[in-house]
Amino acid sequence: MLGRPGQGAVILAPANDTLGLAEGIETALSAILLLDIPVWATLGNERLAHIAIPDTVTRLILLPDNDRGGRIGAAKATDAYAMPGRTIEVLWPPQGFNDWNDALRAGGKGVGDWMRQAA
């Protein structure tokens, strides 16, 4: 990436009352397909807490990678985006996968379990 991204993200789908944030573009696209929610790519775990989120988003779903950087980024983002009327969820990839792209490439294995729990 050239230049400073500021509070920008790669907007892959328009936000509505729900928005997901993922680290990379591939992971964000995979989460859109698997979870059927709009997702933006932050371009790194260190940027999960630095994106300008529309005030209209009342449900923010953080989709960090399942690694140390993802855990740190998710913790910072949870604090950064807290506001009255907004719920923040951290949704980890299914067990055994590093990110949502890995889960998609494995045929969505384990995603159905998450969908049943979230319903």
PDB file of N, CA and C in Angstrom:
ATOM      1  N   MET A   1       0.840  -1.153   0.000  1.00  0.00           N
ATOM      2  CA  MET A   1       0.000   0.000   0.000  1.00  0.00           C
ATOM      3  C   MET A   1       0.895   1.229   0.000  1.00  0.00           C
ATOM      4  N   LEU A   2       0.603   2.163  -0.853  1.00  0.00           N
ATOM      5  CA  LEU A   2       1.340   3.420  -0.899  1.00  0.00           C
ATOM      6  C   LEU A   2       0.568   4.481  -0.133  1.00  0.00           C
ATOM      7  N   GLY A   3       1.275   5.290   0.613  1.00  0.00           N
ATOM      8  CA  GLY A   3       0.619   6.358   1.355  1.00  0.00           C
ATOM      9  C   GLY A   3       0.015   5.877   2.655  1.00  0.00           C
ATOM     10  N   ARG A   4      -0.654   6.793   3.307  1.00  0.00           N
ATOM     11  CA  ARG A   4      -1.272   6.492   4.598  1.00  0.00           C
ATOM     12  C   ARG A   4      -2.763   6.241   4.413  1.00  0.00           C
ATOM     13  N   PRO A   5      -3.248   5.119   4.908  1.00  0.00           N
ATOM     14  CA  PRO A   5      -4.664   4.813   4.720  1.00  0.00           C
ATOM     15  C   PRO A   5      -5.598   5.570   5.666  1.00  0.00           C
ATOM     16  N   GLY A   6      -5.056   6.181   6.704  1.00  0.00           N
ATOM     17  CA  GLY A   6      -5.905   6.905   7.647  1.00  0.00           C
ATOM     18  C   GLY A   6      -6.949   5.990   8.250  1.00  0.00           C
ATOM     19  N   GLN A   7      -8.205   6.427   8.220  1.00  0.00           N
ATOM     20  CA  GLN A   7      -9.299   5.634   8.778  1.00  0.00           C
ATOM     21  C   GLN A   7     -10.043   4.856   7.702  1.00  0.00           C
ATOM     22  N   GLY A   8      -9.436   4.752   6.527  1.00  0.00           N
ATOM     23  CA  GLY A   8     -10.085   4.091   5.409  1.00  0.00           C
ATOM     24  C   GLY A   8      -9.982   2.581   5.466  1.00  0.00           C
ATOM     25  N   ALA A   9     -10.862   1.936   4.721  1.00  0.00           N
ATOM     26  CA  ALA A   9     -10.884   0.486   4.589  1.00  0.00           C
ATOM     27  C   ALA A   9     -11.247   0.159   3.146  1.00  0.00           C
ATOM     28  N   VAL A  10     -11.047  -1.081   2.759  1.00  0.00           N
ATOM     29  CA  VAL A  10     -11.505  -1.544   1.455  1.00  0.00           C
ATOM     30  C   VAL A  10     -12.971  -1.942   1.635  1.00  0.00           C
ATOM     31  N   ILE A  11     -13.859  -1.132   1.080  1.00  0.00           N
ATOM     32  CA  ILE A  11     -15.297  -1.330   1.258  1.00  0.00           C
ATOM     33  C   ILE A  11     -15.779  -2.300   0.185  1.00  0.00           C
ATOM     34  N   LEU A  12     -16.055  -3.527   0.597  1.00  0.00           N
ATOM     35  CA  LEU A  12     -16.447  -4.580  -0.335  1.00  0.00           C
ATOM     36  C   LEU A  12     -17.956  -4.730  -0.445  1.00  0.00           C
ATOM     37  N   ALA A  13     -18.677  -4.159   0.488  1.00  0.00           N
ATOM     38  CA  ALA A  13     -20.144  -4.171   0.483  1.00  0.00           C
ATOM     39  C   ALA A  13     -20.590  -2.990   1.330  1.00  0.00           C
ATOM     40  N   PRO A  14     -21.684  -2.345   0.960  1.00  0.00           N
ATOM     41  CA  PRO A  14     -22.136  -1.203   1.751  1.00  0.00           C
ATOM     42  C   PRO A  14     -22.591  -1.633   3.142  1.00  0.00           C
ATOM     43  N   ALA A  15     -22.241  -0.832   4.133  1.00  0.00           N
ATOM     44  CA  ALA A  15     -22.661  -1.118   5.507  1.00  0.00           C
ATOM     45  C   ALA A  15     -24.151  -0.840   5.643  1.00  0.00           C
ATOM     46  N   ASN A  16     -24.809  -1.626   6.461  1.00  0.00           N
ATOM     47  CA  ASN A  16     -26.168  -1.313   6.872  1.00  0.00           C
ATOM     48  C   ASN A  16     -26.142  -1.241   8.397  1.00  0.00           C
ATOM     49  N   ASP A  17     -27.108  -1.764   9.097  1.00  0.00           N
ATOM     50  CA  ASP A  17     -27.016  -1.735  10.556  1.00  0.00           C
ATOM     51  C   ASP A  17     -25.976  -2.730  11.068  1.00  0.00           C
ATOM     52  N   THR A  18     -25.575  -3.675  10.216  1.00  0.00           N
ATOM     53  CA  THR A  18     -24.549  -4.662  10.552  1.00  0.00           C
ATOM     54  C   THR A  18     -23.345  -4.456   9.645  1.00  0.00           C
ATOM     55  N   LEU A  19     -22.160  -4.593  10.233  1.00  0.00           N
ATOM     56  CA  LEU A  19     -20.921  -4.495   9.458  1.00  0.00           C
ATOM     57  C   LEU A  19     -19.878  -5.412  10.072  1.00  0.00           C
ATOM     58  N   GLY A  20     -19.171  -6.137   9.225  1.00  0.00           N
ATOM     59  CA  GLY A  20     -18.047  -6.942   9.663  1.00  0.00           C
ATOM     60  C   GLY A  20     -16.744  -6.281   9.255  1.00  0.00           C
ATOM     61  N   LEU A  21     -15.718  -6.458  10.070  1.00  0.00           N
ATOM     62  CA  LEU A  21     -14.366  -5.990   9.752  1.00  0.00           C
ATOM     63  C   LEU A  21     -13.429  -7.183   9.773  1.00  0.00           C
ATOM     64  N   ALA A  22     -12.709  -7.389   8.673  1.00  0.00           N
ATOM     65  CA  ALA A  22     -11.724  -8.458   8.580  1.00  0.00           C
ATOM     66  C   ALA A  22     -10.379  -7.845   8.222  1.00  0.00           C
ATOM     67  N   GLU A  23      -9.317  -8.600   8.438  1.00  0.00           N
ATOM     68  CA  GLU A  23      -7.977  -8.073   8.203  1.00  0.00           C
ATOM     69  C   GLU A  23      -7.662  -7.904   6.722  1.00  0.00           C
ATOM     70  N   GLY A  24      -7.808  -8.954   5.948  1.00  0.00           N
ATOM     71  CA  GLY A  24      -7.404  -8.904   4.549  1.00  0.00           C
ATOM     72  C   GLY A  24      -8.579  -8.958   3.591  1.00  0.00           C
ATOM     73  N   ILE A  25      -8.308  -8.625   2.338  1.00  0.00           N
ATOM     74  CA  ILE A  25      -9.359  -8.608   1.323  1.00  0.00           C
ATOM     75  C   ILE A  25      -9.922 -10.015   1.096  1.00  0.00           C
ATOM     76  N   GLU A  26      -9.057 -11.016   0.974  1.00  0.00           N
ATOM     77  CA  GLU A  26      -9.530 -12.379   0.741  1.00  0.00           C
ATOM     78  C   GLU A  26     -10.384 -12.869   1.899  1.00  0.00           C
ATOM     79  N   THR A  27      -9.949 -12.568   3.119  1.00  0.00           N
ATOM     80  CA  THR A  27     -10.706 -12.974   4.301  1.00  0.00           C
ATOM     81  C   THR A  27     -12.057 -12.276   4.338  1.00  0.00           C
ATOM     82  N   ALA A  28     -12.077 -10.988   4.014  1.00  0.00           N
ATOM     83  CA  ALA A  28     -13.336 -10.237   4.008  1.00  0.00           C
ATOM     84  C   ALA A  28     -14.298 -10.791   2.957  1.00  0.00           C
ATOM     85  N   LEU A  29     -13.806 -11.054   1.754  1.00  0.00           N
ATOM     86  CA  LEU A  29     -14.663 -11.620   0.706  1.00  0.00           C
ATOM     87  C   LEU A  29     -15.196 -12.993   1.106  1.00  0.00           C
ATOM     88  N   SER A  30     -14.358 -13.789   1.734  1.00  0.00           N
ATOM     89  CA  SER A  30     -14.784 -15.114   2.188  1.00  0.00           C
ATOM     90  C   SER A  30     -15.859 -15.001   3.259  1.00  0.00           C
ATOM     91  N   ALA A  31     -15.693 -14.065   4.180  1.00  0.00           N
ATOM     92  CA  ALA A  31     -16.691 -13.870   5.236  1.00  0.00           C
ATOM     93  C   ALA A  31     -18.023 -13.417   4.648  1.00  0.00           C
ATOM     94  N   ILE A  32     -17.984 -12.576   3.622  1.00  0.00           N
ATOM     95  CA  ILE A  32     -19.224 -12.159   2.955  1.00  0.00           C
ATOM     96  C   ILE A  32     -19.959 -13.389   2.422  1.00  0.00           C
ATOM     97  N   LEU A  33     -19.232 -14.273   1.768  1.00  0.00           N
ATOM     98  CA  LEU A  33     -19.843 -15.472   1.188  1.00  0.00           C
ATOM     99  C   LEU A  33     -20.347 -16.442   2.252  1.00  0.00           C
ATOM    100  N   LEU A  34     -19.571 -16.631   3.305  1.00  0.00           N
ATOM    101  CA  LEU A  34     -19.922 -17.615   4.327  1.00  0.00           C
ATOM    102  C   LEU A  34     -20.963 -17.120   5.317  1.00  0.00           C
ATOM    103  N   LEU A  35     -20.909 -15.848   5.667  1.00  0.00           N
ATOM    104  CA  LEU A  35     -21.741 -15.327   6.753  1.00  0.00           C
ATOM    105  C   LEU A  35     -22.895 -14.458   6.274  1.00  0.00           C
ATOM    106  N   ASP A  36     -22.858 -14.075   5.002  1.00  0.00           N
ATOM    107  CA  ASP A  36     -23.918 -13.255   4.408  1.00  0.00           C
ATOM    108  C   ASP A  36     -24.116 -11.930   5.157  1.00  0.00           C
ATOM    109  N   ILE A  37     -23.004 -11.261   5.428  1.00  0.00           N
ATOM    110  CA  ILE A  37     -23.030  -9.929   6.038  1.00  0.00           C
ATOM    111  C   ILE A  37     -22.090  -9.028   5.237  1.00  0.00           C
ATOM    112  N   PRO A  38     -22.290  -7.710   5.273  1.00  0.00           N
ATOM    113  CA  PRO A  38     -21.327  -6.815   4.627  1.00  0.00           C
ATOM    114  C   PRO A  38     -20.031  -6.788   5.432  1.00  0.00           C
ATOM    115  N   VAL A  39     -18.900  -6.835   4.743  1.00  0.00           N
ATOM    116  CA  VAL A  39     -17.597  -6.854   5.417  1.00  0.00           C
ATOM    117  C   VAL A  39     -16.646  -5.909   4.706  1.00  0.00           C
ATOM    118  N   TRP A  40     -15.871  -5.191   5.493  1.00  0.00           N
ATOM    119  CA  TRP A  40     -14.807  -4.331   4.977  1.00  0.00           C
ATOM    120  C   TRP A  40     -13.465  -4.923   5.373  1.00  0.00           C
ATOM    121  N   ALA A  41     -12.458  -4.731   4.538  1.00  0.00           N
ATOM    122  CA  ALA A  41     -11.093  -5.182   4.831  1.00  0.00           C
ATOM    123  C   ALA A  41     -10.290  -4.017   5.398  1.00  0.00           C
ATOM    124  N   THR A  42      -9.638  -4.253   6.532  1.00  0.00           N
ATOM    125  CA  THR A  42      -8.860  -3.195   7.193  1.00  0.00           C
ATOM    126  C   THR A  42      -7.411  -3.148   6.730  1.00  0.00           C
ATOM    127  N   LEU A  43      -6.968  -4.190   6.047  1.00  0.00           N
ATOM    128  CA  LEU A  43      -5.590  -4.308   5.545  1.00  0.00           C
ATOM    129  C   LEU A  43      -4.563  -4.464   6.656  1.00  0.00           C
ATOM    130  N   GLY A  44      -4.924  -5.229   7.675  1.00  0.00           N
ATOM    131  CA  GLY A  44      -3.974  -5.568   8.730  1.00  0.00           C
ATOM    132  C   GLY A  44      -4.611  -5.567  10.101  1.00  0.00           C
ATOM    133  N   ASN A  45      -4.135  -6.472  10.964  1.00  0.00           N
ATOM    134  CA  ASN A  45      -4.700  -6.550  12.313  1.00  0.00           C
ATOM    135  C   ASN A  45      -4.449  -5.285  13.120  1.00  0.00           C
ATOM    136  N   GLU A  46      -3.347  -4.610  12.826  1.00  0.00           N
ATOM    137  CA  GLU A  46      -3.032  -3.381  13.561  1.00  0.00           C
ATOM    138  C   GLU A  46      -3.981  -2.244  13.190  1.00  0.00           C
ATOM    139  N   ARG A  47      -4.770  -2.424  12.129  1.00  0.00           N
ATOM    140  CA  ARG A  47      -5.717  -1.386  11.691  1.00  0.00           C
ATOM    141  C   ARG A  47      -7.169  -1.698  12.071  1.00  0.00           C
ATOM    142  N   LEU A  48      -7.409  -2.837  12.707  1.00  0.00           N
ATOM    143  CA  LEU A  48      -8.780  -3.197  13.071  1.00  0.00           C
ATOM    144  C   LEU A  48      -9.462  -2.120  13.914  1.00  0.00           C
ATOM    145  N   ALA A  49      -8.709  -1.399  14.715  1.00  0.00           N
ATOM    146  CA  ALA A  49      -9.279  -0.394  15.624  1.00  0.00           C
ATOM    147  C   ALA A  49      -9.246   1.021  15.057  1.00  0.00           C
ATOM    148  N   HIS A  50      -8.883   1.185  13.788  1.00  0.00           N
ATOM    149  CA  HIS A  50      -8.664   2.538  13.256  1.00  0.00           C
ATOM    150  C   HIS A  50      -9.537   2.902  12.057  1.00  0.00           C
ATOM    151  N   ILE A  51     -10.612   2.187  11.842  1.00  0.00           N
ATOM    152  CA  ILE A  51     -11.475   2.420  10.686  1.00  0.00           C
ATOM    153  C   ILE A  51     -12.637   3.329  11.091  1.00  0.00           C
ATOM    154  N   ALA A  52     -13.024   4.223  10.209  1.00  0.00           N
ATOM    155  CA  ALA A  52     -14.184   5.094  10.457  1.00  0.00           C
ATOM    156  C   ALA A  52     -15.460   4.281  10.216  1.00  0.00           C
ATOM    157  N   ILE A  53     -16.141   3.952  11.290  1.00  0.00           N
ATOM    158  CA  ILE A  53     -17.366   3.155  11.220  1.00  0.00           C
ATOM    159  C   ILE A  53     -18.569   4.099  11.195  1.00  0.00           C
ATOM    160  N   PRO A  54     -19.488   3.925  10.254  1.00  0.00           N
ATOM    161  CA  PRO A  54     -20.676   4.784  10.234  1.00  0.00           C
ATOM    162  C   PRO A  54     -21.473   4.667  11.542  1.00  0.00           C
ATOM    163  N   ASP A  55     -22.024   5.772  11.995  1.00  0.00           N
ATOM    164  CA  ASP A  55     -22.823   5.764  13.223  1.00  0.00           C
ATOM    165  C   ASP A  55     -24.066   4.891  13.096  1.00  0.00           C
ATOM    166  N   THR A  56     -24.493   4.617  11.877  1.00  0.00           N
ATOM    167  CA  THR A  56     -25.683   3.796  11.648  1.00  0.00           C
ATOM    168  C   THR A  56     -25.450   2.316  11.927  1.00  0.00           C
ATOM    169  N   VAL A  57     -24.194   1.911  12.105  1.00  0.00           N
ATOM    170  CA  VAL A  57     -23.876   0.512  12.387  1.00  0.00           C
ATOM    171  C   VAL A  57     -24.155   0.242  13.862  1.00  0.00           C
ATOM    172  N   THR A  58     -25.138  -0.617  14.118  1.00  0.00           N
ATOM    173  CA  THR A  58     -25.497  -0.961  15.496  1.00  0.00           C
ATOM    174  C   THR A  58     -24.986  -2.343  15.900  1.00  0.00           C
ATOM    175  N   ARG A  59     -24.536  -3.116  14.928  1.00  0.00           N
ATOM    176  CA  ARG A  59     -23.946  -4.433  15.200  1.00  0.00           C
ATOM    177  C   ARG A  59     -22.650  -4.528  14.409  1.00  0.00           C
ATOM    178  N   LEU A  60     -21.541  -4.504  15.133  1.00  0.00           N
ATOM    179  CA  LEU A  60     -20.223  -4.599  14.516  1.00  0.00           C
ATOM    180  C   LEU A  60     -19.650  -5.976  14.817  1.00  0.00           C
ATOM    181  N   ILE A  61     -19.255  -6.682  13.767  1.00  0.00           N
ATOM    182  CA  ILE A  61     -18.710  -8.027  13.922  1.00  0.00           C
ATOM    183  C   ILE A  61     -17.249  -8.001  13.505  1.00  0.00           C
ATOM    184  N   LEU A  62     -16.373  -8.212  14.463  1.00  0.00           N
ATOM    185  CA  LEU A  62     -14.937  -8.257  14.198  1.00  0.00           C
ATOM    186  C   LEU A  62     -14.574  -9.677  13.788  1.00  0.00           C
ATOM    187  N   LEU A  63     -13.830  -9.806  12.695  1.00  0.00           N
ATOM    188  CA  LEU A  63     -13.474 -11.103  12.118  1.00  0.00           C
ATOM    189  C   LEU A  63     -11.951 -11.241  12.042  1.00  0.00           C
ATOM    190  N   PRO A  64     -11.273 -11.212  13.188  1.00  0.00           N
ATOM    191  CA  PRO A  64      -9.812 -11.247  13.167  1.00  0.00           C
ATOM    192  C   PRO A  64      -9.278 -12.623  12.789  1.00  0.00           C
ATOM    193  N   ASP A  65      -8.026 -12.628  12.356  1.00  0.00           N
ATOM    194  CA  ASP A  65      -7.342 -13.899  12.141  1.00  0.00           C
ATOM    195  C   ASP A  65      -7.109 -14.553  13.497  1.00  0.00           C
ATOM    196  N   ASN A  66      -7.029 -15.871  13.495  1.00  0.00           N
ATOM    197  CA  ASN A  66      -6.847 -16.629  14.725  1.00  0.00           C
ATOM    198  C   ASN A  66      -5.357 -16.753  15.050  1.00  0.00           C
ATOM    199  N   ASP A  67      -4.772 -15.619  15.434  1.00  0.00           N
ATOM    200  CA  ASP A  67      -3.363 -15.585  15.814  1.00  0.00           C
ATOM    201  C   ASP A  67      -3.158 -14.468  16.837  1.00  0.00           C
ATOM    202  N   ARG A  68      -1.933 -14.318  17.302  1.00  0.00           N
ATOM    203  CA  ARG A  68      -1.640 -13.316  18.334  1.00  0.00           C
ATOM    204  C   ARG A  68      -2.022 -11.909  17.875  1.00  0.00           C
ATOM    205  N   GLY A  69      -1.642 -11.542  16.658  1.00  0.00           N
ATOM    206  CA  GLY A  69      -1.968 -10.219  16.136  1.00  0.00           C
ATOM    207  C   GLY A  69      -3.468  -9.991  16.059  1.00  0.00           C
ATOM    208  N   GLY A  70      -4.200 -11.020  15.669  1.00  0.00           N
ATOM    209  CA  GLY A  70      -5.654 -10.922  15.605  1.00  0.00           C
ATOM    210  C   GLY A  70      -6.273 -10.707  16.970  1.00  0.00           C
ATOM    211  N   ARG A  71      -5.749 -11.402  17.984  1.00  0.00           N
ATOM    212  CA  ARG A  71      -6.274 -11.240  19.348  1.00  0.00           C
ATOM    213  C   ARG A  71      -6.025  -9.828  19.864  1.00  0.00           C
ATOM    214  N   ILE A  72      -4.831  -9.308  19.614  1.00  0.00           N
ATOM    215  CA  ILE A  72      -4.505  -7.942  20.043  1.00  0.00           C
ATOM    216  C   ILE A  72      -5.386  -6.937  19.300  1.00  0.00           C
ATOM    217  N   GLY A  73      -5.494  -7.089  17.987  1.00  0.00           N
ATOM    218  CA  GLY A  73      -6.312  -6.183  17.187  1.00  0.00           C
ATOM    219  C   GLY A  73      -7.773  -6.197  17.604  1.00  0.00           C
ATOM    220  N   ALA A  74      -8.311  -7.381  17.875  1.00  0.00           N
ATOM    221  CA  ALA A  74      -9.714  -7.497  18.283  1.00  0.00           C
ATOM    222  C   ALA A  74      -9.955  -6.828  19.632  1.00  0.00           C
ATOM    223  N   ALA A  75      -9.026  -7.000  20.563  1.00  0.00           N
ATOM    224  CA  ALA A  75      -9.180  -6.368  21.879  1.00  0.00           C
ATOM    225  C   ALA A  75      -9.176  -4.847  21.754  1.00  0.00           C
ATOM    226  N   LYS A  76      -8.268  -4.316  20.958  1.00  0.00           N
ATOM    227  CA  LYS A  76      -8.205  -2.861  20.764  1.00  0.00           C
ATOM    228  C   LYS A  76      -9.450  -2.349  20.049  1.00  0.00           C
ATOM    229  N   ALA A  77      -9.907  -3.084  19.043  1.00  0.00           N
ATOM    230  CA  ALA A  77     -11.084  -2.656  18.281  1.00  0.00           C
ATOM    231  C   ALA A  77     -12.345  -2.685  19.138  1.00  0.00           C
ATOM    232  N   THR A  78     -12.462  -3.678  19.995  1.00  0.00           N
ATOM    233  CA  THR A  78     -13.625  -3.757  20.878  1.00  0.00           C
ATOM    234  C   THR A  78     -13.729  -2.504  21.729  1.00  0.00           C
ATOM    235  N   ASP A  79     -12.612  -2.050  22.261  1.00  0.00           N
ATOM    236  CA  ASP A  79     -12.597  -0.816  23.059  1.00  0.00           C
ATOM    237  C   ASP A  79     -12.842   0.413  22.188  1.00  0.00           C
ATOM    238  N   ALA A  80     -12.217   0.462  21.029  1.00  0.00           N
ATOM    239  CA  ALA A  80     -12.276   1.653  20.175  1.00  0.00           C
ATOM    240  C   ALA A  80     -13.673   1.934  19.626  1.00  0.00           C
ATOM    241  N   TYR A  81     -14.441   0.895  19.336  1.00  0.00           N
ATOM    242  CA  TYR A  81     -15.728   1.086  18.675  1.00  0.00           C
ATOM    243  C   TYR A  81     -16.926   1.058  19.617  1.00  0.00           C
ATOM    244  N   ALA A  82     -16.673   0.894  20.905  1.00  0.00           N
ATOM    245  CA  ALA A  82     -17.779   0.843  21.862  1.00  0.00           C
ATOM    246  C   ALA A  82     -18.526   2.169  21.886  1.00  0.00           C
ATOM    247  N   MET A  83     -19.841   2.079  21.802  1.00  0.00           N
ATOM    248  CA  MET A  83     -20.692   3.261  21.925  1.00  0.00           C
ATOM    249  C   MET A  83     -22.096   2.800  22.298  1.00  0.00           C
ATOM    250  N   PRO A  84     -22.861   3.653  22.946  1.00  0.00           N
ATOM    251  CA  PRO A  84     -24.222   3.264  23.320  1.00  0.00           C
ATOM    252  C   PRO A  84     -25.033   2.855  22.089  1.00  0.00           C
ATOM    253  N   GLY A  85     -25.748   1.753  22.209  1.00  0.00           N
ATOM    254  CA  GLY A  85     -26.585   1.286  21.117  1.00  0.00           C
ATOM    255  C   GLY A  85     -25.894   0.404  20.095  1.00  0.00           C
ATOM    256  N   ARG A  86     -24.610   0.155  20.273  1.00  0.00           N
ATOM    257  CA  ARG A  86     -23.868  -0.700  19.328  1.00  0.00           C
ATOM    258  C   ARG A  86     -23.385  -1.950  20.052  1.00  0.00           C
ATOM    259  N   THR A  87     -23.693  -3.109  19.487  1.00  0.00           N
ATOM    260  CA  THR A  87     -23.126  -4.347  20.004  1.00  0.00           C
ATOM    261  C   THR A  87     -21.899  -4.696  19.171  1.00  0.00           C
ATOM    262  N   ILE A  88     -20.903  -5.225  19.848  1.00  0.00           N
ATOM    263  CA  ILE A  88     -19.668  -5.623  19.177  1.00  0.00           C
ATOM    264  C   ILE A  88     -19.433  -7.094  19.479  1.00  0.00           C
ATOM    265  N   GLU A  89     -19.272  -7.868  18.427  1.00  0.00           N
ATOM    266  CA  GLU A  89     -19.011  -9.295  18.557  1.00  0.00           C
ATOM    267  C   GLU A  89     -17.656  -9.604  17.929  1.00  0.00           C
ATOM    268  N   VAL A  90     -16.947 -10.535  18.521  1.00  0.00           N
ATOM    269  CA  VAL A  90     -15.718 -11.039  17.909  1.00  0.00           C
ATOM    270  C   VAL A  90     -16.029 -12.452  17.442  1.00  0.00           C
ATOM    271  N   LEU A  91     -15.907 -12.650  16.161  1.00  0.00           N
ATOM    272  CA  LEU A  91     -16.225 -13.941  15.565  1.00  0.00           C
ATOM    273  C   LEU A  91     -14.948 -14.553  14.997  1.00  0.00           C
ATOM    274  N   TRP A  92     -14.481 -15.584  15.677  1.00  0.00           N
ATOM    275  CA  TRP A  92     -13.253 -16.260  15.251  1.00  0.00           C
ATOM    276  C   TRP A  92     -13.576 -17.274  14.170  1.00  0.00           C
ATOM    277  N   PRO A  93     -12.619 -17.571  13.307  1.00  0.00           N
ATOM    278  CA  PRO A  93     -12.832 -18.629  12.310  1.00  0.00           C
ATOM    279  C   PRO A  93     -13.110 -19.955  13.023  1.00  0.00           C
ATOM    280  N   PRO A  94     -13.775 -20.887  12.344  1.00  0.00           N
ATOM    281  CA  PRO A  94     -14.004 -22.196  12.953  1.00  0.00           C
ATOM    282  C   PRO A  94     -12.683 -22.820  13.416  1.00  0.00           C
ATOM    283  N   GLN A  95     -12.789 -23.663  14.421  1.00  0.00           N
ATOM    284  CA  GLN A  95     -11.607 -24.309  14.997  1.00  0.00           C
ATOM    285  C   GLN A  95     -10.771 -24.988  13.917  1.00  0.00           C
ATOM    286  N   GLY A  96      -9.471 -24.765  13.996  1.00  0.00           N
ATOM    287  CA  GLY A  96      -8.544 -25.371  13.048  1.00  0.00           C
ATOM    288  C   GLY A  96      -8.193 -24.491  11.860  1.00  0.00           C
ATOM    289  N   PHE A  97      -8.822 -23.311  11.762  1.00  0.00           N
ATOM    290  CA  PHE A  97      -8.558 -22.408  10.646  1.00  0.00           C
ATOM    291  C   PHE A  97      -7.985 -21.093  11.153  1.00  0.00           C
ATOM    292  N   ASN A  98      -7.073 -20.516  10.378  1.00  0.00           N
ATOM    293  CA  ASN A  98      -6.467 -19.238  10.753  1.00  0.00           C
ATOM    294  C   ASN A  98      -7.365 -18.055  10.408  1.00  0.00           C
ATOM    295  N   ASP A  99      -8.121 -18.171   9.312  1.00  0.00           N
ATOM    296  CA  ASP A  99      -8.997 -17.062   8.920  1.00  0.00           C
ATOM    297  C   ASP A  99     -10.192 -17.609   8.141  1.00  0.00           C
ATOM    298  N   TRP A 100     -11.111 -16.703   7.788  1.00  0.00           N
ATOM    299  CA  TRP A 100     -12.334 -17.117   7.098  1.00  0.00           C
ATOM    300  C   TRP A 100     -12.056 -17.587   5.672  1.00  0.00           C
ATOM    301  N   ASN A 101     -10.971 -17.147   5.065  1.00  0.00           N
ATOM    302  CA  ASN A 101     -10.607 -17.644   3.745  1.00  0.00           C
ATOM    303  C   ASN A 101     -10.196 -19.105   3.822  1.00  0.00           C
ATOM    304  N   ASP A 102      -9.461 -19.471   4.859  1.00  0.00           N
ATOM    305  CA  ASP A 102      -9.104 -20.881   5.054  1.00  0.00           C
ATOM    306  C   ASP A 102     -10.365 -21.738   5.186  1.00  0.00           C
ATOM    307  N   ALA A 103     -11.350 -21.227   5.939  1.00  0.00           N
ATOM    308  CA  ALA A 103     -12.603 -21.971   6.128  1.00  0.00           C
ATOM    309  C   ALA A 103     -13.351 -22.123   4.803  1.00  0.00           C
ATOM    310  N   LEU A 104     -13.378 -21.075   4.007  1.00  0.00           N
ATOM    311  CA  LEU A 104     -14.061 -21.150   2.711  1.00  0.00           C
ATOM    312  C   LEU A 104     -13.369 -22.146   1.786  1.00  0.00           C
ATOM    313  N   ARG A 105     -12.045 -22.099   1.755  1.00  0.00           N
ATOM    314  CA  ARG A 105     -11.298 -23.011   0.882  1.00  0.00           C
ATOM    315  C   ARG A 105     -11.479 -24.465   1.303  1.00  0.00           C
ATOM    316  N   ALA A 106     -11.831 -24.682   2.565  1.00  0.00           N
ATOM    317  CA  ALA A 106     -12.101 -26.040   3.047  1.00  0.00           C
ATOM    318  C   ALA A 106     -13.573 -26.414   2.861  1.00  0.00           C
ATOM    319  N   GLY A 107     -14.274 -25.614   2.090  1.00  0.00           N
ATOM    320  CA  GLY A 107     -15.672 -25.918   1.809  1.00  0.00           C
ATOM    321  C   GLY A 107     -16.642 -25.399   2.852  1.00  0.00           C
ATOM    322  N   GLY A 108     -16.209 -24.427   3.660  1.00  0.00           N
ATOM    323  CA  GLY A 108     -17.089 -23.868   4.683  1.00  0.00           C
ATOM    324  C   GLY A 108     -17.222 -24.746   5.911  1.00  0.00           C
ATOM    325  N   LYS A 109     -16.303 -25.685   6.071  1.00  0.00           N
ATOM    326  CA  LYS A 109     -16.341 -26.630   7.182  1.00  0.00           C
ATOM    327  C   LYS A 109     -16.364 -25.890   8.524  1.00  0.00           C
ATOM    328  N   GLY A 110     -17.323 -26.215   9.376  1.00  0.00           N
ATOM    329  CA  GLY A 110     -17.413 -25.611  10.700  1.00  0.00           C
ATOM    330  C   GLY A 110     -18.253 -24.351  10.749  1.00  0.00           C
ATOM    331  N   VAL A 111     -18.575 -23.775   9.608  1.00  0.00           N
ATOM    332  CA  VAL A 111     -19.343 -22.532   9.594  1.00  0.00           C
ATOM    333  C   VAL A 111     -20.785 -22.787  10.005  1.00  0.00           C
ATOM    334  N   GLY A 112     -21.335 -23.921   9.630  1.00  0.00           N
ATOM    335  CA  GLY A 112     -22.706 -24.251  10.013  1.00  0.00           C
ATOM    336  C   GLY A 112     -22.888 -24.284  11.514  1.00  0.00           C
ATOM    337  N   ASP A 113     -21.889 -24.775  12.247  1.00  0.00           N
ATOM    338  CA  ASP A 113     -21.958 -24.790  13.708  1.00  0.00           C
ATOM    339  C   ASP A 113     -22.079 -23.377  14.247  1.00  0.00           C
ATOM    340  N   TRP A 114     -21.293 -22.455  13.677  1.00  0.00           N
ATOM    341  CA  TRP A 114     -21.352 -21.067  14.128  1.00  0.00           C
ATOM    342  C   TRP A 114     -22.721 -20.479  13.827  1.00  0.00           C
ATOM    343  N   MET A 115     -23.249 -20.747  12.639  1.00  0.00           N
ATOM    344  CA  MET A 115     -24.540 -20.192  12.242  1.00  0.00           C
ATOM    345  C   MET A 115     -25.639 -20.657  13.196  1.00  0.00           C
ATOM    346  N   ARG A 116     -25.595 -21.915  13.608  1.00  0.00           N
ATOM    347  CA  ARG A 116     -26.600 -22.421  14.545  1.00  0.00           C
ATOM    348  C   ARG A 116     -26.470 -21.737  15.899  1.00  0.00           C
ATOM    349  N   GLN A 117     -25.252 -21.484  16.356  1.00  0.00           N
ATOM    350  CA  GLN A 117     -25.038 -20.830  17.646  1.00  0.00           C
ATOM    351  C   GLN A 117     -25.458 -19.374  17.600  1.00  0.00           C
ATOM    352  N   ALA A 118     -25.256 -18.713  16.481  1.00  0.00           N
ATOM    353  CA  ALA A 118     -25.560 -17.289  16.366  1.00  0.00           C
ATOM    354  C   ALA A 118     -27.056 -17.031  16.220  1.00  0.00           C
ATOM    355  N   ALA A 119     -27.801 -18.020  15.779  1.00  0.00           N
ATOM    356  CA  ALA A 119     -29.250 -17.827  15.532  1.00  0.00           C
ATOM    357  C   ALA A 119     -30.034 -17.655  16.814  1.00  0.00           C
TER     358      ALA A 119
END
